[in-house]
């Protein structure tokens, strides 16, 4: 008698408030790609584009998922860019963006951080974005909590 094998569908990603994927923290490209794959709807394409632009601009970039967001950084220098899914947009954080020329348009409660909000249908200015990424890589990064 043939044994019936249950087919397992991949588990649906857990989406937190605003549709942000809940992905276990981890270092490397794999958790970042898992986060991007779990981004809902049109936001997944934005995540793919951001990841490709950052990786193309900084070929040695180090990636991680921390605090349910992908982070991009430079070895020994710290994280300089992250992004996060919200209900109506994807928010890109330049952790030292206030020190860039020109600074990204979104202000922050943190005097150093600046943001770029990407809404459905927005076209990312790849040249300007790459310039911000290059500048971010030269500024002090976030090394994480001490202790």
C-alpha atoms as a PDB file:
ATOM      1  CA  UNK A   1       0.000   0.000   0.000  1.00  0.00           C
ATOM      2  CA  UNK A   2       1.346   3.412  -0.966  1.00  0.00           C
ATOM      3  CA  UNK A   3       1.967   5.748   1.862  1.00  0.00           C
ATOM      4  CA  UNK A   4       0.412   9.177   1.490  1.00  0.00           C
ATOM      5  CA  UNK A   5       2.962  11.955   1.878  1.00  0.00           C
ATOM      6  CA  UNK A   6       1.633  15.223   3.173  1.00  0.00           C
ATOM      7  CA  UNK A   7       2.816  18.155   1.141  1.00  0.00           C
ATOM      8  CA  UNK A   8       4.133  20.972   3.250  1.00  0.00           C
ATOM      9  CA  UNK A   9       3.524  24.468   2.118  1.00  0.00           C
ATOM     10  CA  UNK A  10       6.155  26.947   3.182  1.00  0.00           C
ATOM     11  CA  UNK A  11       5.028  28.777   6.283  1.00  0.00           C
ATOM     12  CA  UNK A  12       3.614  32.200   5.589  1.00  0.00           C
ATOM     13  CA  UNK A  13       5.899  34.869   6.971  1.00  0.00           C
ATOM     14  CA  UNK A  14       4.671  36.593  10.083  1.00  0.00           C
ATOM     15  CA  UNK A  15       3.961  40.250   9.405  1.00  0.00           C
ATOM     16  CA  UNK A  16       4.102  42.691  12.280  1.00  0.00           C
ATOM     17  CA  UNK A  17       2.372  46.036  12.555  1.00  0.00           C
ATOM     18  CA  UNK A  18       2.326  47.865   9.240  1.00  0.00           C
ATOM     19  CA  UNK A  19       3.271  44.709   7.324  1.00  0.00           C
ATOM     20  CA  UNK A  20       6.876  44.573   8.514  1.00  0.00           C
ATOM     21  CA  UNK A  21       8.212  40.989   8.240  1.00  0.00           C
ATOM     22  CA  UNK A  22       9.234  39.264  11.458  1.00  0.00           C
ATOM     23  CA  UNK A  23      12.537  37.618  10.608  1.00  0.00           C
ATOM     24  CA  UNK A  24      14.923  36.142  13.143  1.00  0.00           C
ATOM     25  CA  UNK A  25      17.990  38.280  13.639  1.00  0.00           C
ATOM     26  CA  UNK A  26      21.082  37.025  11.918  1.00  0.00           C
ATOM     27  CA  UNK A  27      24.213  38.050  10.077  1.00  0.00           C
ATOM     28  CA  UNK A  28      24.815  37.662   6.365  1.00  0.00           C
ATOM     29  CA  UNK A  29      22.859  37.800   3.142  1.00  0.00           C
ATOM     30  CA  UNK A  30      20.467  34.900   3.901  1.00  0.00           C
ATOM     31  CA  UNK A  31      18.403  36.633   6.633  1.00  0.00           C
ATOM     32  CA  UNK A  32      18.265  39.826   4.547  1.00  0.00           C
ATOM     33  CA  UNK A  33      16.989  37.869   1.548  1.00  0.00           C
ATOM     34  CA  UNK A  34      14.421  36.119   3.789  1.00  0.00           C
ATOM     35  CA  UNK A  35      13.234  39.549   4.989  1.00  0.00           C
ATOM     36  CA  UNK A  36      12.941  40.856   1.426  1.00  0.00           C
ATOM     37  CA  UNK A  37      11.089  37.715   0.281  1.00  0.00           C
ATOM     38  CA  UNK A  38       8.595  38.237   3.115  1.00  0.00           C
ATOM     39  CA  UNK A  39       7.949  41.904   2.290  1.00  0.00           C
ATOM     40  CA  UNK A  40       4.313  42.230   1.202  1.00  0.00           C
ATOM     41  CA  UNK A  41       3.073  43.258  -2.226  1.00  0.00           C
ATOM     42  CA  UNK A  42       4.858  46.057  -4.102  1.00  0.00           C
ATOM     43  CA  UNK A  43       7.227  46.589  -1.175  1.00  0.00           C
ATOM     44  CA  UNK A  44       9.114  43.375  -2.072  1.00  0.00           C
ATOM     45  CA  UNK A  45      10.216  44.963  -5.353  1.00  0.00           C
ATOM     46  CA  UNK A  46      11.396  48.051  -3.480  1.00  0.00           C
ATOM     47  CA  UNK A  47      13.381  45.825  -1.085  1.00  0.00           C
ATOM     48  CA  UNK A  48      14.970  43.973  -3.989  1.00  0.00           C
ATOM     49  CA  UNK A  49      15.894  47.249  -5.680  1.00  0.00           C
ATOM     50  CA  UNK A  50      17.364  48.743  -2.490  1.00  0.00           C
ATOM     51  CA  UNK A  51      19.395  45.595  -1.778  1.00  0.00           C
ATOM     52  CA  UNK A  52      20.714  45.532  -5.352  1.00  0.00           C
ATOM     53  CA  UNK A  53      21.622  49.247  -5.310  1.00  0.00           C
ATOM     54  CA  UNK A  54      23.402  49.014  -1.965  1.00  0.00           C
ATOM     55  CA  UNK A  55      25.253  45.826  -2.928  1.00  0.00           C
ATOM     56  CA  UNK A  56      26.269  47.210  -6.325  1.00  0.00           C
ATOM     57  CA  UNK A  57      27.494  50.471  -4.749  1.00  0.00           C
ATOM     58  CA  UNK A  58      29.292  48.768  -1.827  1.00  0.00           C
ATOM     59  CA  UNK A  59      30.383  45.331  -3.109  1.00  0.00           C
ATOM     60  CA  UNK A  60      31.915  44.383   0.270  1.00  0.00           C
ATOM     61  CA  UNK A  61      28.897  45.461   2.293  1.00  0.00           C
ATOM     62  CA  UNK A  62      28.059  43.366   5.313  1.00  0.00           C
ATOM     63  CA  UNK A  63      24.413  42.539   5.866  1.00  0.00           C
ATOM     64  CA  UNK A  64      22.334  41.542   8.868  1.00  0.00           C
ATOM     65  CA  UNK A  65      18.778  41.528  10.139  1.00  0.00           C
ATOM     66  CA  UNK A  66      18.447  43.269  13.490  1.00  0.00           C
ATOM     67  CA  UNK A  67      15.306  44.632  15.145  1.00  0.00           C
ATOM     68  CA  UNK A  68      13.189  43.235  12.268  1.00  0.00           C
ATOM     69  CA  UNK A  69      15.006  45.344   9.674  1.00  0.00           C
ATOM     70  CA  UNK A  70      17.839  44.692   7.211  1.00  0.00           C
ATOM     71  CA  UNK A  71      21.027  46.567   8.085  1.00  0.00           C
ATOM     72  CA  UNK A  72      23.985  47.251   5.802  1.00  0.00           C
ATOM     73  CA  UNK A  73      27.448  48.133   7.030  1.00  0.00           C
ATOM     74  CA  UNK A  74      31.171  48.127   6.626  1.00  0.00           C
ATOM     75  CA  UNK A  75      33.425  45.663   8.487  1.00  0.00           C
ATOM     76  CA  UNK A  76      34.880  47.292  11.602  1.00  0.00           C
ATOM     77  CA  UNK A  77      32.997  50.488  10.822  1.00  0.00           C
ATOM     78  CA  UNK A  78      29.422  49.570  11.726  1.00  0.00           C
ATOM     79  CA  UNK A  79      25.984  49.705  10.138  1.00  0.00           C
ATOM     80  CA  UNK A  80      25.226  52.759   8.036  1.00  0.00           C
ATOM     81  CA  UNK A  81      21.893  52.038   6.283  1.00  0.00           C
ATOM     82  CA  UNK A  82      18.729  50.113   7.105  1.00  0.00           C
ATOM     83  CA  UNK A  83      15.152  49.932   5.882  1.00  0.00           C
ATOM     84  CA  UNK A  84      11.825  49.036   7.418  1.00  0.00           C
ATOM     85  CA  UNK A  85       8.329  48.286   6.103  1.00  0.00           C
ATOM     86  CA  UNK A  86       5.397  50.463   7.128  1.00  0.00           C
ATOM     87  CA  UNK A  87       1.772  50.266   6.005  1.00  0.00           C
ATOM     88  CA  UNK A  88       2.051  52.773   3.170  1.00  0.00           C
ATOM     89  CA  UNK A  89       5.789  53.002   2.495  1.00  0.00           C
ATOM     90  CA  UNK A  90       9.291  51.622   2.959  1.00  0.00           C
ATOM     91  CA  UNK A  91      11.509  53.822   5.140  1.00  0.00           C
ATOM     92  CA  UNK A  92      15.229  53.869   4.359  1.00  0.00           C
ATOM     93  CA  UNK A  93      17.359  55.089   7.268  1.00  0.00           C
ATOM     94  CA  UNK A  94      20.753  56.665   6.729  1.00  0.00           C
ATOM     95  CA  UNK A  95      22.083  56.526  10.261  1.00  0.00           C
ATOM     96  CA  UNK A  96      24.385  59.557   9.751  1.00  0.00           C
ATOM     97  CA  UNK A  97      22.320  61.110   6.952  1.00  0.00           C
ATOM     98  CA  UNK A  98      22.272  64.602   8.469  1.00  0.00           C
ATOM     99  CA  UNK A  99      25.970  64.805   7.553  1.00  0.00           C
ATOM    100  CA  UNK A 100      25.413  64.046   3.852  1.00  0.00           C
ATOM    101  CA  UNK A 101      25.303  66.516   0.976  1.00  0.00           C
ATOM    102  CA  UNK A 102      22.458  66.875   0.190  1.00  0.00           C
ATOM    103  CA  UNK A 103      20.904  65.117   3.164  1.00  0.00           C
ATOM    104  CA  UNK A 104      18.063  62.655   2.517  1.00  0.00           C
ATOM    105  CA  UNK A 105      14.740  64.514   2.832  1.00  0.00           C
ATOM    106  CA  UNK A 106      13.171  62.921   5.930  1.00  0.00           C
ATOM    107  CA  UNK A 107      14.067  64.323   9.330  1.00  0.00           C
ATOM    108  CA  UNK A 108      14.385  62.316  12.537  1.00  0.00           C
ATOM    109  CA  UNK A 109      14.227  62.734  16.300  1.00  0.00           C
ATOM    110  CA  UNK A 110      17.837  61.522  16.189  1.00  0.00           C
ATOM    111  CA  UNK A 111      19.859  64.568  15.131  1.00  0.00           C
ATOM    112  CA  UNK A 112      22.157  62.418  12.969  1.00  0.00           C
ATOM    113  CA  UNK A 113      19.687  60.192  11.117  1.00  0.00           C
ATOM    114  CA  UNK A 114      17.820  61.103   7.942  1.00  0.00           C
ATOM    115  CA  UNK A 115      15.212  59.114   6.046  1.00  0.00           C
ATOM    116  CA  UNK A 116      13.952  58.439   2.566  1.00  0.00           C
ATOM    117  CA  UNK A 117      10.335  57.246   2.416  1.00  0.00           C
ATOM    118  CA  UNK A 118       9.426  55.246  -0.683  1.00  0.00           C
ATOM    119  CA  UNK A 119       5.723  54.982  -1.523  1.00  0.00           C
ATOM    120  CA  UNK A 120       4.024  52.772  -4.103  1.00  0.00           C
ATOM    121  CA  UNK A 121       4.755  54.100  -7.572  1.00  0.00           C
ATOM    122  CA  UNK A 122       7.753  56.217  -6.497  1.00  0.00           C
ATOM    123  CA  UNK A 123      10.791  56.045  -8.747  1.00  0.00           C
ATOM    124  CA  UNK A 124      14.065  55.806  -6.858  1.00  0.00           C
ATOM    125  CA  UNK A 125      16.695  58.218  -8.173  1.00  0.00           C
ATOM    126  CA  UNK A 126      19.413  55.569  -8.424  1.00  0.00           C
ATOM    127  CA  UNK A 127      22.210  58.076  -9.013  1.00  0.00           C
ATOM    128  CA  UNK A 128      21.307  60.100  -5.893  1.00  0.00           C
ATOM    129  CA  UNK A 129      20.710  56.949  -3.853  1.00  0.00           C
ATOM    130  CA  UNK A 130      24.131  55.553  -4.822  1.00  0.00           C
ATOM    131  CA  UNK A 131      25.731  58.892  -3.862  1.00  0.00           C
ATOM    132  CA  UNK A 132      24.084  58.674  -0.431  1.00  0.00           C
ATOM    133  CA  UNK A 133      25.246  55.073  -0.018  1.00  0.00           C
ATOM    134  CA  UNK A 134      28.839  56.051  -0.850  1.00  0.00           C
ATOM    135  CA  UNK A 135      28.698  58.939   1.629  1.00  0.00           C
ATOM    136  CA  UNK A 136      27.138  56.727   4.305  1.00  0.00           C
ATOM    137  CA  UNK A 137      30.015  54.263   3.986  1.00  0.00           C
ATOM    138  CA  UNK A 138      32.497  57.026   4.847  1.00  0.00           C
ATOM    139  CA  UNK A 139      30.640  58.186   7.976  1.00  0.00           C
ATOM    140  CA  UNK A 140      30.778  56.548  11.420  1.00  0.00           C
ATOM    141  CA  UNK A 141      28.454  53.578  11.652  1.00  0.00           C
ATOM    142  CA  UNK A 142      26.401  52.004  14.414  1.00  0.00           C
ATOM    143  CA  UNK A 143      28.368  49.183  16.050  1.00  0.00           C
ATOM    144  CA  UNK A 144      25.505  47.929  18.210  1.00  0.00           C
ATOM    145  CA  UNK A 145      24.901  47.927  21.927  1.00  0.00           C
ATOM    146  CA  UNK A 146      27.947  47.573  24.122  1.00  0.00           C
ATOM    147  CA  UNK A 147      28.307  44.914  26.747  1.00  0.00           C
END
